[in-house]
Amino acid sequence: MQRKHIQVFGMVQGVGFRYYTEKIARKYKIVGTVQNVDNFVDIYAQGEEQHLSQFINAVTEGASPASHVEDFTIETLNIDESLEKFRTI
């Protein structure tokens, strides 16, 4: 089990990015949150290592068809046992 904080920059707001991120999270059984912050999308994601890696790859390649990811950062965090599902904030 791992938990990551991902910040995604580029054309990622107003293009369905959060909706698609939540859809991808369900596919890979990821729990956490996604939200728009200033000029980027902020994601906290937790799950099994392989699933989390697949989730991160899908999101950073552009979660929605209309998005264009220019850059992203990833930080490893401590596990949060209280997380139960993935949601958009």
PDB file of N, CA and C in Angstrom:
ATOM      1  N   MET A   1       0.847  -1.183   0.000  1.00  0.00           N
ATOM      2  CA  MET A   1       0.000   0.000   0.000  1.00  0.00           C
ATOM      3  C   MET A   1       0.888   1.240   0.000  1.00  0.00           C
ATOM      4  N   GLN A   2       0.527   2.204  -0.858  1.00  0.00           N
ATOM      5  CA  GLN A   2       1.258   3.468  -0.935  1.00  0.00           C
ATOM      6  C   GLN A   2       0.267   4.619  -1.033  1.00  0.00           C
ATOM      7  N   ARG A   3       0.738   5.810  -0.673  1.00  0.00           N
ATOM      8  CA  ARG A   3      -0.063   7.021  -0.809  1.00  0.00           C
ATOM      9  C   ARG A   3       0.795   8.098  -1.460  1.00  0.00           C
ATOM     10  N   LYS A   4       0.235   8.780  -2.460  1.00  0.00           N
ATOM     11  CA  LYS A   4       0.966   9.801  -3.200  1.00  0.00           C
ATOM     12  C   LYS A   4       0.164  11.096  -3.269  1.00  0.00           C
ATOM     13  N   HIS A   5       0.896  12.186  -3.323  1.00  0.00           N
ATOM     14  CA  HIS A   5       0.329  13.506  -3.591  1.00  0.00           C
ATOM     15  C   HIS A   5       0.824  13.892  -4.980  1.00  0.00           C
ATOM     16  N   ILE A   6      -0.104  14.109  -5.896  1.00  0.00           N
ATOM     17  CA  ILE A   6       0.233  14.394  -7.294  1.00  0.00           C
ATOM     18  C   ILE A   6      -0.340  15.758  -7.666  1.00  0.00           C
ATOM     19  N   GLN A   7       0.485  16.607  -8.220  1.00  0.00           N
ATOM     20  CA  GLN A   7       0.033  17.890  -8.745  1.00  0.00           C
ATOM     21  C   GLN A   7       0.219  17.846 -10.254  1.00  0.00           C
ATOM     22  N   VAL A   8      -0.863  18.123 -10.990  1.00  0.00           N
ATOM     23  CA  VAL A   8      -0.841  18.020 -12.442  1.00  0.00           C
ATOM     24  C   VAL A   8      -1.079  19.408 -13.041  1.00  0.00           C
ATOM     25  N   PHE A   9      -0.161  19.833 -13.922  1.00  0.00           N
ATOM     26  CA  PHE A   9      -0.197  21.168 -14.516  1.00  0.00           C
ATOM     27  C   PHE A   9      -0.453  21.075 -16.021  1.00  0.00           C
ATOM     28  N   GLY A  10      -1.056  22.101 -16.566  1.00  0.00           N
ATOM     29  CA  GLY A  10      -1.339  22.168 -17.997  1.00  0.00           C
ATOM     30  C   GLY A  10      -2.795  22.513 -18.220  1.00  0.00           C
ATOM     31  N   MET A  11      -3.358  22.060 -19.329  1.00  0.00           N
ATOM     32  CA  MET A  11      -4.766  22.260 -19.629  1.00  0.00           C
ATOM     33  C   MET A  11      -5.539  21.151 -18.918  1.00  0.00           C
ATOM     34  N   VAL A  12      -5.758  21.348 -17.613  1.00  0.00           N
ATOM     35  CA  VAL A  12      -6.370  20.305 -16.790  1.00  0.00           C
ATOM     36  C   VAL A  12      -7.587  20.807 -16.005  1.00  0.00           C
ATOM     37  N   GLN A  13      -8.014  22.038 -16.266  1.00  0.00           N
ATOM     38  CA  GLN A  13      -9.217  22.558 -15.621  1.00  0.00           C
ATOM     39  C   GLN A  13     -10.232  22.945 -16.682  1.00  0.00           C
ATOM     40  N   GLY A  14     -11.482  22.625 -16.409  1.00  0.00           N
ATOM     41  CA  GLY A  14     -12.544  22.938 -17.360  1.00  0.00           C
ATOM     42  C   GLY A  14     -12.618  21.982 -18.537  1.00  0.00           C
ATOM     43  N   VAL A  15     -11.960  20.824 -18.422  1.00  0.00           N
ATOM     44  CA  VAL A  15     -11.935  19.850 -19.525  1.00  0.00           C
ATOM     45  C   VAL A  15     -12.333  18.443 -19.071  1.00  0.00           C
ATOM     46  N   GLY A  16     -12.971  18.336 -17.897  1.00  0.00           N
ATOM     47  CA  GLY A  16     -13.402  17.034 -17.394  1.00  0.00           C
ATOM     48  C   GLY A  16     -12.312  16.218 -16.728  1.00  0.00           C
ATOM     49  N   PHE A  17     -11.181  16.849 -16.428  1.00  0.00           N
ATOM     50  CA  PHE A  17     -10.042  16.121 -15.866  1.00  0.00           C
ATOM     51  C   PHE A  17     -10.389  15.456 -14.538  1.00  0.00           C
ATOM     52  N   ARG A  18     -11.068  16.161 -13.642  1.00  0.00           N
ATOM     53  CA  ARG A  18     -11.395  15.573 -12.337  1.00  0.00           C
ATOM     54  C   ARG A  18     -12.362  14.397 -12.490  1.00  0.00           C
ATOM     55  N   TYR A  19     -13.356  14.542 -13.361  1.00  0.00           N
ATOM     56  CA  TYR A  19     -14.315  13.464 -13.605  1.00  0.00           C
ATOM     57  C   TYR A  19     -13.596  12.203 -14.084  1.00  0.00           C
ATOM     58  N   TYR A  20     -12.722  12.353 -15.069  1.00  0.00           N
ATOM     59  CA  TYR A  20     -11.989  11.202 -15.594  1.00  0.00           C
ATOM     60  C   TYR A  20     -11.006  10.641 -14.572  1.00  0.00           C
ATOM     61  N   THR A  21     -10.418  11.511 -13.756  1.00  0.00           N
ATOM     62  CA  THR A  21      -9.506  11.042 -12.707  1.00  0.00           C
ATOM     63  C   THR A  21     -10.252  10.159 -11.721  1.00  0.00           C
ATOM     64  N   GLU A  22     -11.454  10.576 -11.343  1.00  0.00           N
ATOM     65  CA  GLU A  22     -12.269   9.773 -10.422  1.00  0.00           C
ATOM     66  C   GLU A  22     -12.649   8.438 -11.066  1.00  0.00           C
ATOM     67  N   LYS A  23     -12.972   8.449 -12.339  1.00  0.00           N
ATOM     68  CA  LYS A  23     -13.312   7.221 -13.069  1.00  0.00           C
ATOM     69  C   LYS A  23     -12.111   6.259 -13.095  1.00  0.00           C
ATOM     70  N   ILE A  24     -10.921   6.792 -13.365  1.00  0.00           N
ATOM     71  CA  ILE A  24      -9.701   5.982 -13.384  1.00  0.00           C
ATOM     72  C   ILE A  24      -9.406   5.431 -11.989  1.00  0.00           C
ATOM     73  N   ALA A  25      -9.637   6.244 -10.961  1.00  0.00           N
ATOM     74  CA  ALA A  25      -9.406   5.799  -9.575  1.00  0.00           C
ATOM     75  C   ALA A  25     -10.288   4.598  -9.245  1.00  0.00           C
ATOM     76  N   ARG A  26     -11.538   4.646  -9.651  1.00  0.00           N
ATOM     77  CA  ARG A  26     -12.431   3.502  -9.399  1.00  0.00           C
ATOM     78  C   ARG A  26     -11.920   2.257 -10.119  1.00  0.00           C
ATOM     79  N   LYS A  27     -11.446   2.435 -11.342  1.00  0.00           N
ATOM     80  CA  LYS A  27     -10.939   1.297 -12.128  1.00  0.00           C
ATOM     81  C   LYS A  27      -9.791   0.589 -11.409  1.00  0.00           C
ATOM     82  N   TYR A  28      -8.893   1.374 -10.781  1.00  0.00           N
ATOM     83  CA  TYR A  28      -7.715   0.801 -10.138  1.00  0.00           C
ATOM     84  C   TYR A  28      -7.844   0.670  -8.620  1.00  0.00           C
ATOM     85  N   LYS A  29      -9.074   0.859  -8.107  1.00  0.00           N
ATOM     86  CA  LYS A  29      -9.346   0.702  -6.666  1.00  0.00           C
ATOM     87  C   LYS A  29      -8.483   1.650  -5.828  1.00  0.00           C
ATOM     88  N   ILE A  30      -8.413   2.910  -6.264  1.00  0.00           N
ATOM     89  CA  ILE A  30      -7.648   3.939  -5.575  1.00  0.00           C
ATOM     90  C   ILE A  30      -8.601   4.750  -4.712  1.00  0.00           C
ATOM     91  N   VAL A  31      -8.176   5.105  -3.503  1.00  0.00           N
ATOM     92  CA  VAL A  31      -8.947   5.983  -2.630  1.00  0.00           C
ATOM     93  C   VAL A  31      -8.208   7.308  -2.497  1.00  0.00           C
ATOM     94  N   GLY A  32      -8.950   8.380  -2.227  1.00  0.00           N
ATOM     95  CA  GLY A  32      -8.325   9.689  -2.066  1.00  0.00           C
ATOM     96  C   GLY A  32      -9.213  10.791  -2.580  1.00  0.00           C
ATOM     97  N   THR A  33      -8.583  11.866  -3.080  1.00  0.00           N
ATOM     98  CA  THR A  33      -9.325  13.037  -3.540  1.00  0.00           C
ATOM     99  C   THR A  33      -8.673  13.660  -4.772  1.00  0.00           C
ATOM    100  N   VAL A  34      -9.481  14.440  -5.492  1.00  0.00           N
ATOM    101  CA  VAL A  34      -8.995  15.255  -6.599  1.00  0.00           C
ATOM    102  C   VAL A  34      -9.717  16.588  -6.519  1.00  0.00           C
ATOM    103  N   GLN A  35      -8.971  17.683  -6.737  1.00  0.00           N
ATOM    104  CA  GLN A  35      -9.586  19.009  -6.719  1.00  0.00           C
ATOM    105  C   GLN A  35      -8.786  19.995  -7.559  1.00  0.00           C
ATOM    106  N   ASN A  36      -9.473  21.013  -8.045  1.00  0.00           N
ATOM    107  CA  ASN A  36      -8.804  22.108  -8.739  1.00  0.00           C
ATOM    108  C   ASN A  36      -8.208  23.050  -7.699  1.00  0.00           C
ATOM    109  N   VAL A  37      -6.963  23.467  -7.906  1.00  0.00           N
ATOM    110  CA  VAL A  37      -6.296  24.423  -7.032  1.00  0.00           C
ATOM    111  C   VAL A  37      -5.529  25.394  -7.920  1.00  0.00           C
ATOM    112  N   ASP A  38      -5.845  26.681  -7.816  1.00  0.00           N
ATOM    113  CA  ASP A  38      -5.177  27.698  -8.623  1.00  0.00           C
ATOM    114  C   ASP A  38      -5.118  27.260 -10.092  1.00  0.00           C
ATOM    115  N   ASN A  39      -3.934  26.994 -10.604  1.00  0.00           N
ATOM    116  CA  ASN A  39      -3.769  26.642 -12.021  1.00  0.00           C
ATOM    117  C   ASN A  39      -3.362  25.184 -12.220  1.00  0.00           C
ATOM    118  N   PHE A  40      -3.690  24.315 -11.269  1.00  0.00           N
ATOM    119  CA  PHE A  40      -3.352  22.890 -11.399  1.00  0.00           C
ATOM    120  C   PHE A  40      -4.412  22.038 -10.726  1.00  0.00           C
ATOM    121  N   VAL A  41      -4.303  20.734 -10.915  1.00  0.00           N
ATOM    122  CA  VAL A  41      -5.185  19.781 -10.240  1.00  0.00           C
ATOM    123  C   VAL A  41      -4.370  19.066  -9.171  1.00  0.00           C
ATOM    124  N   ASP A  42      -4.945  18.991  -7.980  1.00  0.00           N
ATOM    125  CA  ASP A  42      -4.295  18.406  -6.808  1.00  0.00           C
ATOM    126  C   ASP A  42      -4.941  17.050  -6.526  1.00  0.00           C
ATOM    127  N   ILE A  43      -4.129  15.995  -6.471  1.00  0.00           N
ATOM    128  CA  ILE A  43      -4.639  14.635  -6.275  1.00  0.00           C
ATOM    129  C   ILE A  43      -3.929  13.990  -5.093  1.00  0.00           C
ATOM    130  N   TYR A  44      -4.706  13.398  -4.193  1.00  0.00           N
ATOM    131  CA  TYR A  44      -4.173  12.542  -3.140  1.00  0.00           C
ATOM    132  C   TYR A  44      -4.700  11.153  -3.448  1.00  0.00           C
ATOM    133  N   ALA A  45      -3.799  10.200  -3.656  1.00  0.00           N
ATOM    134  CA  ALA A  45      -4.198   8.869  -4.105  1.00  0.00           C
ATOM    135  C   ALA A  45      -3.498   7.793  -3.280  1.00  0.00           C
ATOM    136  N   GLN A  46      -4.267   6.782  -2.895  1.00  0.00           N
ATOM    137  CA  GLN A  46      -3.728   5.688  -2.092  1.00  0.00           C
ATOM    138  C   GLN A  46      -4.260   4.363  -2.617  1.00  0.00           C
ATOM    139  N   GLY A  47      -3.357   3.384  -2.703  1.00  0.00           N
ATOM    140  CA  GLY A  47      -3.761   2.066  -3.165  1.00  0.00           C
ATOM    141  C   GLY A  47      -2.578   1.124  -3.226  1.00  0.00           C
ATOM    142  N   GLU A  48      -2.840  -0.070  -3.737  1.00  0.00           N
ATOM    143  CA  GLU A  48      -1.771  -1.047  -3.906  1.00  0.00           C
ATOM    144  C   GLU A  48      -0.752  -0.491  -4.890  1.00  0.00           C
ATOM    145  N   GLU A  49       0.517  -0.805  -4.674  1.00  0.00           N
ATOM    146  CA  GLU A  49       1.607  -0.209  -5.444  1.00  0.00           C
ATOM    147  C   GLU A  49       1.399  -0.322  -6.955  1.00  0.00           C
ATOM    148  N   GLN A  50       1.072  -1.501  -7.453  1.00  0.00           N
ATOM    149  CA  GLN A  50       0.905  -1.694  -8.898  1.00  0.00           C
ATOM    150  C   GLN A  50      -0.275  -0.886  -9.419  1.00  0.00           C
ATOM    151  N   HIS A  51      -1.398  -0.908  -8.704  1.00  0.00           N
ATOM    152  CA  HIS A  51      -2.583  -0.151  -9.121  1.00  0.00           C
ATOM    153  C   HIS A  51      -2.324   1.346  -9.067  1.00  0.00           C
ATOM    154  N   LEU A  52      -1.619   1.791  -8.036  1.00  0.00           N
ATOM    155  CA  LEU A  52      -1.306   3.211  -7.910  1.00  0.00           C
ATOM    156  C   LEU A  52      -0.410   3.670  -9.058  1.00  0.00           C
ATOM    157  N   SER A  53       0.537   2.847  -9.430  1.00  0.00           N
ATOM    158  CA  SER A  53       1.418   3.162 -10.552  1.00  0.00           C
ATOM    159  C   SER A  53       0.624   3.282 -11.857  1.00  0.00           C
ATOM    160  N   GLN A  54      -0.311   2.367 -12.085  1.00  0.00           N
ATOM    161  CA  GLN A  54      -1.145   2.415 -13.287  1.00  0.00           C
ATOM    162  C   GLN A  54      -2.039   3.654 -13.275  1.00  0.00           C
ATOM    163  N   PHE A  55      -2.575   3.994 -12.107  1.00  0.00           N
ATOM    164  CA  PHE A  55      -3.401   5.183 -11.952  1.00  0.00           C
ATOM    165  C   PHE A  55      -2.599   6.440 -12.284  1.00  0.00           C
ATOM    166  N   ILE A  56      -1.403   6.551 -11.714  1.00  0.00           N
ATOM    167  CA  ILE A  56      -0.559   7.728 -11.944  1.00  0.00           C
ATOM    168  C   ILE A  56      -0.216   7.852 -13.428  1.00  0.00           C
ATOM    169  N   ASN A  57       0.129   6.745 -14.066  1.00  0.00           N
ATOM    170  CA  ASN A  57       0.438   6.774 -15.504  1.00  0.00           C
ATOM    171  C   ASN A  57      -0.756   7.271 -16.317  1.00  0.00           C
ATOM    172  N   ALA A  58      -1.946   6.769 -16.008  1.00  0.00           N
ATOM    173  CA  ALA A  58      -3.143   7.163 -16.748  1.00  0.00           C
ATOM    174  C   ALA A  58      -3.451   8.642 -16.543  1.00  0.00           C
ATOM    175  N   VAL A  59      -3.316   9.122 -15.318  1.00  0.00           N
ATOM    176  CA  VAL A  59      -3.639  10.517 -15.008  1.00  0.00           C
ATOM    177  C   VAL A  59      -2.615  11.463 -15.633  1.00  0.00           C
ATOM    178  N   THR A  60      -1.345  11.131 -15.539  1.00  0.00           N
ATOM    179  CA  THR A  60      -0.310  12.039 -16.034  1.00  0.00           C
ATOM    180  C   THR A  60      -0.188  12.024 -17.556  1.00  0.00           C
ATOM    181  N   GLU A  61      -0.784  11.025 -18.191  1.00  0.00           N
ATOM    182  CA  GLU A  61      -0.835  11.010 -19.661  1.00  0.00           C
ATOM    183  C   GLU A  61      -2.013  11.825 -20.175  1.00  0.00           C
ATOM    184  N   GLY A  62      -2.860  12.287 -19.243  1.00  0.00           N
ATOM    185  CA  GLY A  62      -4.035  13.087 -19.612  1.00  0.00           C
ATOM    186  C   GLY A  62      -5.292  12.310 -19.339  1.00  0.00           C
ATOM    187  N   ALA A  63      -5.887  12.548 -18.188  1.00  0.00           N
ATOM    188  CA  ALA A  63      -7.049  11.774 -17.766  1.00  0.00           C
ATOM    189  C   ALA A  63      -8.242  11.941 -18.697  1.00  0.00           C
ATOM    190  N   SER A  64      -8.456  13.147 -19.190  1.00  0.00           N
ATOM    191  CA  SER A  64      -9.601  13.373 -20.073  1.00  0.00           C
ATOM    192  C   SER A  64      -9.114  13.618 -21.503  1.00  0.00           C
ATOM    193  N   PRO A  65      -9.955  13.305 -22.486  1.00  0.00           N
ATOM    194  CA  PRO A  65      -9.558  13.489 -23.883  1.00  0.00           C
ATOM    195  C   PRO A  65      -9.190  14.938 -24.227  1.00  0.00           C
ATOM    196  N   ALA A  66      -9.822  15.914 -23.568  1.00  0.00           N
ATOM    197  CA  ALA A  66      -9.578  17.324 -23.882  1.00  0.00           C
ATOM    198  C   ALA A  66      -8.420  17.929 -23.078  1.00  0.00           C
ATOM    199  N   SER A  67      -7.854  17.173 -22.158  1.00  0.00           N
ATOM    200  CA  SER A  67      -6.778  17.714 -21.321  1.00  0.00           C
ATOM    201  C   SER A  67      -5.423  17.614 -22.019  1.00  0.00           C
ATOM    202  N   HIS A  68      -4.491  18.413 -21.514  1.00  0.00           N
ATOM    203  CA  HIS A  68      -3.115  18.366 -21.997  1.00  0.00           C
ATOM    204  C   HIS A  68      -2.195  18.600 -20.805  1.00  0.00           C
ATOM    205  N   VAL A  69      -1.548  17.540 -20.332  1.00  0.00           N
ATOM    206  CA  VAL A  69      -0.653  17.629 -19.174  1.00  0.00           C
ATOM    207  C   VAL A  69       0.702  18.139 -19.639  1.00  0.00           C
ATOM    208  N   GLU A  70       1.144  19.228 -19.037  1.00  0.00           N
ATOM    209  CA  GLU A  70       2.450  19.801 -19.358  1.00  0.00           C
ATOM    210  C   GLU A  70       3.520  19.378 -18.362  1.00  0.00           C
ATOM    211  N   ASP A  71       3.116  19.179 -17.108  1.00  0.00           N
ATOM    212  CA  ASP A  71       4.075  18.812 -16.065  1.00  0.00           C
ATOM    213  C   ASP A  71       3.315  18.227 -14.883  1.00  0.00           C
ATOM    214  N   PHE A  72       4.032  17.517 -14.015  1.00  0.00           N
ATOM    215  CA  PHE A  72       3.423  16.997 -12.794  1.00  0.00           C
ATOM    216  C   PHE A  72       4.508  16.748 -11.760  1.00  0.00           C
ATOM    217  N   THR A  73       4.096  16.749 -10.489  1.00  0.00           N
ATOM    218  CA  THR A  73       4.989  16.403  -9.397  1.00  0.00           C
ATOM    219  C   THR A  73       4.345  15.278  -8.603  1.00  0.00           C
ATOM    220  N   ILE A  74       5.188  14.446  -7.996  1.00  0.00           N
ATOM    221  CA  ILE A  74       4.702  13.329  -7.181  1.00  0.00           C
ATOM    222  C   ILE A  74       5.494  13.308  -5.880  1.00  0.00           C
ATOM    223  N   GLU A  75       4.771  13.236  -4.775  1.00  0.00           N
ATOM    224  CA  GLU A  75       5.377  13.174  -3.444  1.00  0.00           C
ATOM    225  C   GLU A  75       4.797  11.965  -2.717  1.00  0.00           C
ATOM    226  N   THR A  76       5.633  11.200  -2.041  1.00  0.00           N
ATOM    227  CA  THR A  76       5.175  10.059  -1.262  1.00  0.00           C
ATOM    228  C   THR A  76       4.757  10.523   0.126  1.00  0.00           C
ATOM    229  N   LEU A  77       3.598  10.030   0.576  1.00  0.00           N
ATOM    230  CA  LEU A  77       3.055  10.398   1.881  1.00  0.00           C
ATOM    231  C   LEU A  77       2.851   9.152   2.738  1.00  0.00           C
ATOM    232  N   ASN A  78       2.588   9.374   4.011  1.00  0.00           N
ATOM    233  CA  ASN A  78       2.229   8.282   4.906  1.00  0.00           C
ATOM    234  C   ASN A  78       0.823   7.786   4.568  1.00  0.00           C
ATOM    235  N   ILE A  79       0.576   6.524   4.802  1.00  0.00           N
ATOM    236  CA  ILE A  79      -0.732   5.916   4.567  1.00  0.00           C
ATOM    237  C   ILE A  79      -1.770   6.561   5.470  1.00  0.00           C
ATOM    238  N   ASP A  80      -2.965   6.789   4.932  1.00  0.00           N
ATOM    239  CA  ASP A  80      -4.093   7.324   5.696  1.00  0.00           C
ATOM    240  C   ASP A  80      -5.149   6.225   5.770  1.00  0.00           C
ATOM    241  N   GLU A  81      -5.219   5.549   6.894  1.00  0.00           N
ATOM    242  CA  GLU A  81      -6.140   4.416   7.060  1.00  0.00           C
ATOM    243  C   GLU A  81      -7.607   4.835   7.039  1.00  0.00           C
ATOM    244  N   SER A  82      -7.893   6.119   7.201  1.00  0.00           N
ATOM    245  CA  SER A  82      -9.284   6.574   7.258  1.00  0.00           C
ATOM    246  C   SER A  82      -9.922   6.715   5.872  1.00  0.00           C
ATOM    247  N   LEU A  83      -9.135   6.661   4.800  1.00  0.00           N
ATOM    248  CA  LEU A  83      -9.681   6.817   3.457  1.00  0.00           C
ATOM    249  C   LEU A  83     -10.489   5.590   3.054  1.00  0.00           C
ATOM    250  N   GLU A  84     -11.694   5.838   2.515  1.00  0.00           N
ATOM    251  CA  GLU A  84     -12.566   4.734   2.128  1.00  0.00           C
ATOM    252  C   GLU A  84     -12.939   4.728   0.659  1.00  0.00           C
ATOM    253  N   LYS A  85     -12.895   5.912   0.007  1.00  0.00           N
ATOM    254  CA  LYS A  85     -13.285   5.986  -1.400  1.00  0.00           C
ATOM    255  C   LYS A  85     -12.543   7.140  -2.053  1.00  0.00           C
ATOM    256  N   PHE A  86     -12.731   7.288  -3.362  1.00  0.00           N
ATOM    257  CA  PHE A  86     -12.137   8.399  -4.101  1.00  0.00           C
ATOM    258  C   PHE A  86     -13.242   9.393  -4.400  1.00  0.00           C
ATOM    259  N   ARG A  87     -12.959  10.686  -4.164  1.00  0.00           N
ATOM    260  CA  ARG A  87     -14.005  11.682  -4.387  1.00  0.00           C
ATOM    261  C   ARG A  87     -13.416  12.982  -4.937  1.00  0.00           C
ATOM    262  N   THR A  88     -14.267  13.710  -5.637  1.00  0.00           N
ATOM    263  CA  THR A  88     -13.918  15.030  -6.139  1.00  0.00           C
ATOM    264  C   THR A  88     -14.319  16.060  -5.096  1.00  0.00           C
ATOM    265  N   ILE A  89     -13.405  16.972  -4.834  1.00  0.00           N
ATOM    266  CA  ILE A  89     -13.682  18.039  -3.857  1.00  0.00           C
ATOM    267  C   ILE A  89     -14.035  19.305  -4.613  1.00  0.00           C
TER     268      ILE A  89
END
